[in-house]
Amino acid sequence: MDENTIKKWTRIPPETVITNTAAGMKKRGFNVIIVDTKIQALQKLKELLMPGTEVMTGSSTSLYQIGFMDYYLSGKTPWKCLGPEVYNEKNPAQQQLLRRRSDTADFFVASVNAVAETGELVACDRSGSRVSAYPFAAKNVVLVVGVQKIVKTLEDALKRVREYVYFLEDERAKKAYGISSGFGKWVIIENEFAKDRITVILCKEPIGF
């Protein structure tokens, strides 16, 4: 990937763009919380997840970078973490069943690949397991998103995935799973009509890709 492509899709937008994008998301029914740093993003995320509730995560570099996954997998959280049961299951058929059930968790925590200034959220995944809970299944969805993912339009959001995100995800997938990534399942969240269901933590410090 050349340097110009990287710069094109990782620019930090000006404050006015961040504010306007947040306003656009709110008009579409998303709760939006703007934070300055990774540390604040982690603190806010922990505050949002209520003790005793079921929590599942979608594969997300952003969650690792803010330190959430280390805490989530520590066995010391106040929540019922569904992920370890899924990850530790060795029978493929049983693992798929557990993964499908986990989509209906009280809280599904993950990220998206791009956010349009007009407020739409875009995510893509090879198998769909990372994004399947977003549209309806999970009771609540919390998305942790770096502001470098903000682009001008929905069309630009799709381009960001194809021209930039895919290549980094493909590299990650090969290291993690030994297989290539691919354009399998796309999710575009244009509006959320269930009050307070989707919350976006928008971090001014770049996280994820």
C-alpha atoms as a PDB file:
ATOM      1  CA  MET A   1       0.000   0.000   0.000  1.00  0.00           C
ATOM      2  CA  ASP A   2       1.495   3.340  -1.006  1.00  0.00           C
ATOM      3  CA  GLU A   3       1.979   6.302   1.315  1.00  0.00           C
ATOM      4  CA  ASN A   4      -0.631   8.477  -0.415  1.00  0.00           C
ATOM      5  CA  THR A   5      -3.323   5.829   0.093  1.00  0.00           C
ATOM      6  CA  ILE A   6      -2.450   5.535   3.762  1.00  0.00           C
ATOM      7  CA  LYS A   7      -2.571   9.312   4.247  1.00  0.00           C
ATOM      8  CA  LYS A   8      -5.852   9.567   2.333  1.00  0.00           C
ATOM      9  CA  TRP A   9      -7.673   7.201   4.684  1.00  0.00           C
ATOM     10  CA  THR A  10      -6.043   8.044   8.015  1.00  0.00           C
ATOM     11  CA  ARG A  11      -6.303  11.823   8.196  1.00  0.00           C
ATOM     12  CA  ILE A  12      -7.423  13.270  11.509  1.00  0.00           C
ATOM     13  CA  PRO A  13     -10.383  15.503  10.673  1.00  0.00           C
ATOM     14  CA  PRO A  14     -10.742  19.019  12.059  1.00  0.00           C
ATOM     15  CA  GLU A  15     -12.826  19.584  15.157  1.00  0.00           C
ATOM     16  CA  THR A  16     -15.742  20.959  13.133  1.00  0.00           C
ATOM     17  CA  VAL A  17     -15.933  17.758  11.087  1.00  0.00           C
ATOM     18  CA  ILE A  18     -15.883  15.598  14.219  1.00  0.00           C
ATOM     19  CA  THR A  19     -18.668  17.680  15.762  1.00  0.00           C
ATOM     20  CA  ASN A  20     -20.771  17.666  12.604  1.00  0.00           C
ATOM     21  CA  THR A  21     -20.319  13.926  12.154  1.00  0.00           C
ATOM     22  CA  ALA A  22     -21.435  13.304  15.717  1.00  0.00           C
ATOM     23  CA  ALA A  23     -24.490  15.458  15.085  1.00  0.00           C
ATOM     24  CA  GLY A  24     -25.227  13.472  11.926  1.00  0.00           C
ATOM     25  CA  MET A  25     -25.052  10.203  13.837  1.00  0.00           C
ATOM     26  CA  LYS A  26     -27.334  11.498  16.570  1.00  0.00           C
ATOM     27  CA  LYS A  27     -29.941  12.444  13.960  1.00  0.00           C
ATOM     28  CA  ARG A  28     -29.852   8.830  12.813  1.00  0.00           C
ATOM     29  CA  GLY A  29     -30.641   7.523  16.296  1.00  0.00           C
ATOM     30  CA  PHE A  30     -27.149   6.749  17.625  1.00  0.00           C
ATOM     31  CA  ASN A  31     -25.872   7.835  21.006  1.00  0.00           C
ATOM     32  CA  VAL A  32     -22.481   9.500  20.518  1.00  0.00           C
ATOM     33  CA  ILE A  33     -19.834  10.047  23.177  1.00  0.00           C
ATOM     34  CA  ILE A  34     -16.715  11.968  22.117  1.00  0.00           C
ATOM     35  CA  VAL A  35     -13.511  11.298  24.075  1.00  0.00           C
ATOM     36  CA  ASP A  36      -9.977  12.596  23.641  1.00  0.00           C
ATOM     37  CA  THR A  37      -7.826   9.535  24.372  1.00  0.00           C
ATOM     38  CA  LYS A  38      -7.673   5.740  24.355  1.00  0.00           C
ATOM     39  CA  ILE A  39      -7.687   5.752  28.139  1.00  0.00           C
ATOM     40  CA  GLN A  40     -10.902   7.761  28.214  1.00  0.00           C
ATOM     41  CA  ALA A  41     -12.444   5.450  25.607  1.00  0.00           C
ATOM     42  CA  LEU A  42     -11.709   2.454  27.826  1.00  0.00           C
ATOM     43  CA  GLN A  43     -13.077   4.168  30.925  1.00  0.00           C
ATOM     44  CA  LYS A  44     -16.288   5.171  29.170  1.00  0.00           C
ATOM     45  CA  LEU A  45     -16.768   1.698  27.717  1.00  0.00           C
ATOM     46  CA  LYS A  46     -16.437   0.105  31.154  1.00  0.00           C
ATOM     47  CA  GLU A  47     -18.987   2.563  32.517  1.00  0.00           C
ATOM     48  CA  LEU A  48     -21.528   1.691  29.824  1.00  0.00           C
ATOM     49  CA  LEU A  49     -21.444  -2.079  30.420  1.00  0.00           C
ATOM     50  CA  MET A  50     -23.688  -2.833  33.371  1.00  0.00           C
ATOM     51  CA  PRO A  51     -22.506  -5.348  35.998  1.00  0.00           C
ATOM     52  CA  GLY A  52     -24.043  -8.806  35.676  1.00  0.00           C
ATOM     53  CA  THR A  53     -24.927  -8.462  31.987  1.00  0.00           C
ATOM     54  CA  GLU A  54     -23.786 -10.697  29.136  1.00  0.00           C
ATOM     55  CA  VAL A  55     -21.047  -9.099  27.034  1.00  0.00           C
ATOM     56  CA  MET A  56     -19.724 -10.337  23.685  1.00  0.00           C
ATOM     57  CA  THR A  57     -17.130  -8.731  21.459  1.00  0.00           C
ATOM     58  CA  GLY A  58     -16.578  -8.671  17.734  1.00  0.00           C
ATOM     59  CA  SER A  59     -12.993  -9.034  16.549  1.00  0.00           C
ATOM     60  CA  SER A  60     -11.606  -5.511  16.784  1.00  0.00           C
ATOM     61  CA  THR A  61      -8.116  -4.057  16.709  1.00  0.00           C
ATOM     62  CA  SER A  62      -9.559  -0.950  18.370  1.00  0.00           C
ATOM     63  CA  LEU A  63     -10.612  -2.937  21.444  1.00  0.00           C
ATOM     64  CA  TYR A  64      -7.119  -4.376  21.791  1.00  0.00           C
ATOM     65  CA  GLN A  65      -5.475  -0.977  21.365  1.00  0.00           C
ATOM     66  CA  ILE A  66      -7.496   0.683  24.129  1.00  0.00           C
ATOM     67  CA  GLY A  67      -6.761  -2.229  26.478  1.00  0.00           C
ATOM     68  CA  PHE A  68     -10.297  -3.569  26.660  1.00  0.00           C
ATOM     69  CA  MET A  69      -9.588  -7.099  25.425  1.00  0.00           C
ATOM     70  CA  ASP A  70      -6.925  -7.737  28.048  1.00  0.00           C
ATOM     71  CA  TYR A  71      -9.442  -6.798  30.722  1.00  0.00           C
ATOM     72  CA  TYR A  72     -12.299  -8.676  29.030  1.00  0.00           C
ATOM     73  CA  LEU A  73     -10.276 -11.915  28.944  1.00  0.00           C
ATOM     74  CA  SER A  74      -8.825 -11.513  32.433  1.00  0.00           C
ATOM     75  CA  GLY A  75     -11.661 -13.286  34.228  1.00  0.00           C
ATOM     76  CA  LYS A  76     -11.926 -10.325  36.606  1.00  0.00           C
ATOM     77  CA  THR A  77     -14.741  -8.325  35.008  1.00  0.00           C
ATOM     78  CA  PRO A  78     -18.140  -7.618  36.600  1.00  0.00           C
ATOM     79  CA  TRP A  79     -19.877  -8.971  33.485  1.00  0.00           C
ATOM     80  CA  LYS A  80     -20.624 -12.421  32.124  1.00  0.00           C
ATOM     81  CA  CYS A  81     -18.131 -12.525  29.242  1.00  0.00           C
ATOM     82  CA  LEU A  82     -19.357 -14.864  26.524  1.00  0.00           C
ATOM     83  CA  GLY A  83     -16.226 -14.662  24.392  1.00  0.00           C
ATOM     84  CA  PRO A  84     -13.971 -17.082  26.319  1.00  0.00           C
ATOM     85  CA  GLU A  85     -16.544 -19.872  26.075  1.00  0.00           C
ATOM     86  CA  VAL A  86     -16.728 -19.372  22.307  1.00  0.00           C
ATOM     87  CA  TYR A  87     -12.966 -19.118  21.808  1.00  0.00           C
ATOM     88  CA  ASN A  88     -12.205 -22.181  23.968  1.00  0.00           C
ATOM     89  CA  GLU A  89     -14.724 -24.490  22.301  1.00  0.00           C
ATOM     90  CA  LYS A  90     -12.790 -26.927  20.078  1.00  0.00           C
ATOM     91  CA  ASN A  91     -15.730 -28.546  18.305  1.00  0.00           C
ATOM     92  CA  PRO A  92     -16.382 -26.404  15.181  1.00  0.00           C
ATOM     93  CA  ALA A  93     -20.132 -27.098  15.081  1.00  0.00           C
ATOM     94  CA  GLN A  94     -20.572 -26.333  18.772  1.00  0.00           C
ATOM     95  CA  GLN A  95     -18.437 -23.211  18.458  1.00  0.00           C
ATOM     96  CA  GLN A  96     -20.650 -21.921  15.646  1.00  0.00           C
ATOM     97  CA  LEU A  97     -23.737 -22.546  17.802  1.00  0.00           C
ATOM     98  CA  LEU A  98     -22.222 -20.644  20.722  1.00  0.00           C
ATOM     99  CA  ARG A  99     -21.173 -17.825  18.421  1.00  0.00           C
ATOM    100  CA  ARG A 100     -24.693 -17.480  17.024  1.00  0.00           C
ATOM    101  CA  ARG A 101     -26.171 -17.449  20.516  1.00  0.00           C
ATOM    102  CA  SER A 102     -23.683 -14.799  21.602  1.00  0.00           C
ATOM    103  CA  ASP A 103     -25.112 -12.416  18.995  1.00  0.00           C
ATOM    104  CA  THR A 104     -28.072 -11.901  21.321  1.00  0.00           C
ATOM    105  CA  ALA A 105     -25.911 -10.705  24.224  1.00  0.00           C
ATOM    106  CA  ASP A 106     -27.041  -7.801  26.389  1.00  0.00           C
ATOM    107  CA  PHE A 107     -24.054  -5.865  25.054  1.00  0.00           C
ATOM    108  CA  PHE A 108     -22.105  -6.487  21.851  1.00  0.00           C
ATOM    109  CA  VAL A 109     -18.892  -4.449  21.755  1.00  0.00           C
ATOM    110  CA  ALA A 110     -16.884  -3.864  18.586  1.00  0.00           C
ATOM    111  CA  SER A 111     -16.043  -1.170  16.011  1.00  0.00           C
ATOM    112  CA  VAL A 112     -16.746  -0.184  12.417  1.00  0.00           C
ATOM    113  CA  ASN A 113     -14.465   0.349   9.426  1.00  0.00           C
ATOM    114  CA  ALA A 114     -15.736   3.777   8.415  1.00  0.00           C
ATOM    115  CA  VAL A 115     -18.118   6.568   9.400  1.00  0.00           C
ATOM    116  CA  ALA A 116     -19.585   8.990   6.881  1.00  0.00           C
ATOM    117  CA  GLU A 117     -19.867  12.643   7.861  1.00  0.00           C
ATOM    118  CA  THR A 118     -23.551  12.211   7.068  1.00  0.00           C
ATOM    119  CA  GLY A 119     -23.790   9.715   9.934  1.00  0.00           C
ATOM    120  CA  GLU A 120     -23.871   6.255   8.351  1.00  0.00           C
ATOM    121  CA  LEU A 121     -21.761   3.473   9.867  1.00  0.00           C
ATOM    122  CA  VAL A 122     -20.049   0.872   7.661  1.00  0.00           C
ATOM    123  CA  ALA A 123     -18.509  -2.460   8.626  1.00  0.00           C
ATOM    124  CA  CYS A 124     -17.372  -5.448   6.577  1.00  0.00           C
ATOM    125  CA  ASP A 125     -16.353  -8.971   7.590  1.00  0.00           C
ATOM    126  CA  ARG A 126     -15.381 -12.130   5.720  1.00  0.00           C
ATOM    127  CA  SER A 127     -17.634 -14.551   7.618  1.00  0.00           C
ATOM    128  CA  GLY A 128     -20.093 -12.083   9.132  1.00  0.00           C
ATOM    129  CA  SER A 129     -19.445 -13.156  12.724  1.00  0.00           C
ATOM    130  CA  ARG A 130     -18.018  -9.748  13.616  1.00  0.00           C
ATOM    131  CA  VAL A 131     -20.975  -7.752  12.290  1.00  0.00           C
ATOM    132  CA  SER A 132     -23.989 -10.055  12.558  1.00  0.00           C
ATOM    133  CA  ALA A 133     -25.128  -8.686  15.932  1.00  0.00           C
ATOM    134  CA  TYR A 134     -25.120  -5.050  14.806  1.00  0.00           C
ATOM    135  CA  PRO A 135     -28.421  -4.774  12.891  1.00  0.00           C
ATOM    136  CA  PHE A 136     -30.799  -6.415  15.381  1.00  0.00           C
ATOM    137  CA  ALA A 137     -29.685  -9.430  17.436  1.00  0.00           C
ATOM    138  CA  ALA A 138     -27.782  -7.783  20.308  1.00  0.00           C
ATOM    139  CA  LYS A 139     -29.841  -5.887  22.875  1.00  0.00           C
ATOM    140  CA  ASN A 140     -27.235  -3.108  22.948  1.00  0.00           C
ATOM    141  CA  VAL A 141     -24.305  -2.347  20.654  1.00  0.00           C
ATOM    142  CA  VAL A 142     -21.303  -0.249  21.698  1.00  0.00           C
ATOM    143  CA  LEU A 143     -18.885   0.730  18.936  1.00  0.00           C
ATOM    144  CA  VAL A 144     -15.474   2.217  19.713  1.00  0.00           C
ATOM    145  CA  VAL A 145     -14.286   4.239  16.723  1.00  0.00           C
ATOM    146  CA  GLY A 146     -11.225   6.366  16.012  1.00  0.00           C
ATOM    147  CA  VAL A 147     -11.935   9.683  14.289  1.00  0.00           C
ATOM    148  CA  GLN A 148      -9.475   8.821  11.490  1.00  0.00           C
ATOM    149  CA  LYS A 149     -12.267   6.569  10.166  1.00  0.00           C
ATOM    150  CA  ILE A 150     -14.473   9.564   9.362  1.00  0.00           C
ATOM    151  CA  VAL A 151     -14.896  10.152   5.624  1.00  0.00           C
ATOM    152  CA  LYS A 152     -16.991  12.536   3.572  1.00  0.00           C
ATOM    153  CA  THR A 153     -19.761  10.309   2.183  1.00  0.00           C
ATOM    154  CA  LEU A 154     -21.198   6.812   2.372  1.00  0.00           C
ATOM    155  CA  GLU A 155     -19.539   6.055  -0.965  1.00  0.00           C
ATOM    156  CA  ASP A 156     -16.205   7.117   0.523  1.00  0.00           C
ATOM    157  CA  ALA A 157     -16.850   4.825   3.486  1.00  0.00           C
ATOM    158  CA  LEU A 158     -17.189   1.842   1.156  1.00  0.00           C
ATOM    159  CA  LYS A 159     -14.033   2.909  -0.688  1.00  0.00           C
ATOM    160  CA  ARG A 160     -12.116   3.162   2.580  1.00  0.00           C
ATOM    161  CA  VAL A 161     -12.808  -0.501   3.243  1.00  0.00           C
ATOM    162  CA  ARG A 162     -11.824  -1.625  -0.258  1.00  0.00           C
ATOM    163  CA  GLU A 163      -8.774   0.603  -0.720  1.00  0.00           C
ATOM    164  CA  TYR A 164      -7.308   0.597   2.782  1.00  0.00           C
ATOM    165  CA  VAL A 165      -8.915  -1.511   5.519  1.00  0.00           C
ATOM    166  CA  TYR A 166      -9.008  -4.752   3.554  1.00  0.00           C
ATOM    167  CA  PHE A 167      -5.249  -4.978   3.125  1.00  0.00           C
ATOM    168  CA  LEU A 168      -4.563  -4.506   6.836  1.00  0.00           C
ATOM    169  CA  GLU A 169      -7.320  -6.930   7.809  1.00  0.00           C
ATOM    170  CA  ASP A 170      -6.028  -9.471   5.307  1.00  0.00           C
ATOM    171  CA  GLU A 171      -2.584  -9.282   6.889  1.00  0.00           C
ATOM    172  CA  ARG A 172      -4.065  -9.654  10.371  1.00  0.00           C
ATOM    173  CA  ALA A 173      -6.260 -12.607   9.350  1.00  0.00           C
ATOM    174  CA  LYS A 174      -3.338 -14.493   7.839  1.00  0.00           C
ATOM    175  CA  LYS A 175      -1.347 -14.119  11.057  1.00  0.00           C
ATOM    176  CA  ALA A 176      -4.277 -14.888  13.359  1.00  0.00           C
ATOM    177  CA  TYR A 177      -6.139 -17.602  11.447  1.00  0.00           C
ATOM    178  CA  GLY A 178      -3.853 -18.650   8.615  1.00  0.00           C
ATOM    179  CA  ILE A 179      -6.388 -17.599   5.975  1.00  0.00           C
ATOM    180  CA  SER A 180      -6.980 -14.524   3.840  1.00  0.00           C
ATOM    181  CA  SER A 181      -9.734 -12.043   4.559  1.00  0.00           C
ATOM    182  CA  GLY A 182     -12.416 -11.177   2.008  1.00  0.00           C
ATOM    183  CA  PHE A 183     -15.405  -8.985   1.208  1.00  0.00           C
ATOM    184  CA  GLY A 184     -17.996 -11.341   2.650  1.00  0.00           C
ATOM    185  CA  LYS A 185     -20.711  -9.529   4.587  1.00  0.00           C
ATOM    186  CA  TRP A 186     -21.283  -5.786   4.603  1.00  0.00           C
ATOM    187  CA  VAL A 187     -23.351  -3.934   7.189  1.00  0.00           C
ATOM    188  CA  ILE A 188     -24.472  -0.351   6.614  1.00  0.00           C
ATOM    189  CA  ILE A 189     -26.283   1.116   9.593  1.00  0.00           C
ATOM    190  CA  GLU A 190     -28.171   4.095   8.264  1.00  0.00           C
ATOM    191  CA  ASN A 191     -30.614   4.560  11.133  1.00  0.00           C
ATOM    192  CA  GLU A 192     -31.359   3.025  14.533  1.00  0.00           C
ATOM    193  CA  PHE A 193     -34.984   3.265  15.582  1.00  0.00           C
ATOM    194  CA  ALA A 194     -34.638   1.485  18.940  1.00  0.00           C
ATOM    195  CA  LYS A 195     -33.931   4.243  21.446  1.00  0.00           C
ATOM    196  CA  ASP A 196     -30.469   4.094  23.057  1.00  0.00           C
ATOM    197  CA  ARG A 197     -29.615   0.739  21.438  1.00  0.00           C
ATOM    198  CA  ILE A 198     -26.425   1.787  19.598  1.00  0.00           C
ATOM    199  CA  THR A 199     -23.751   3.904  21.253  1.00  0.00           C
ATOM    200  CA  VAL A 200     -20.666   5.138  19.421  1.00  0.00           C
ATOM    201  CA  ILE A 201     -17.613   6.117  21.458  1.00  0.00           C
ATOM    202  CA  LEU A 202     -15.788   8.441  19.079  1.00  0.00           C
ATOM    203  CA  CYS A 203     -12.124   8.733  20.050  1.00  0.00           C
ATOM    204  CA  LYS A 204     -10.000  11.674  18.861  1.00  0.00           C
ATOM    205  CA  GLU A 205      -6.856   9.586  19.299  1.00  0.00           C
ATOM    206  CA  PRO A 206      -6.488   7.228  16.304  1.00  0.00           C
ATOM    207  CA  ILE A 207      -7.392   3.607  17.073  1.00  0.00           C
ATOM    208  CA  GLY A 208      -7.935   0.624  14.847  1.00  0.00           C
ATOM    209  CA  PHE A 209      -7.769   0.670  11.085  1.00  0.00           C
END
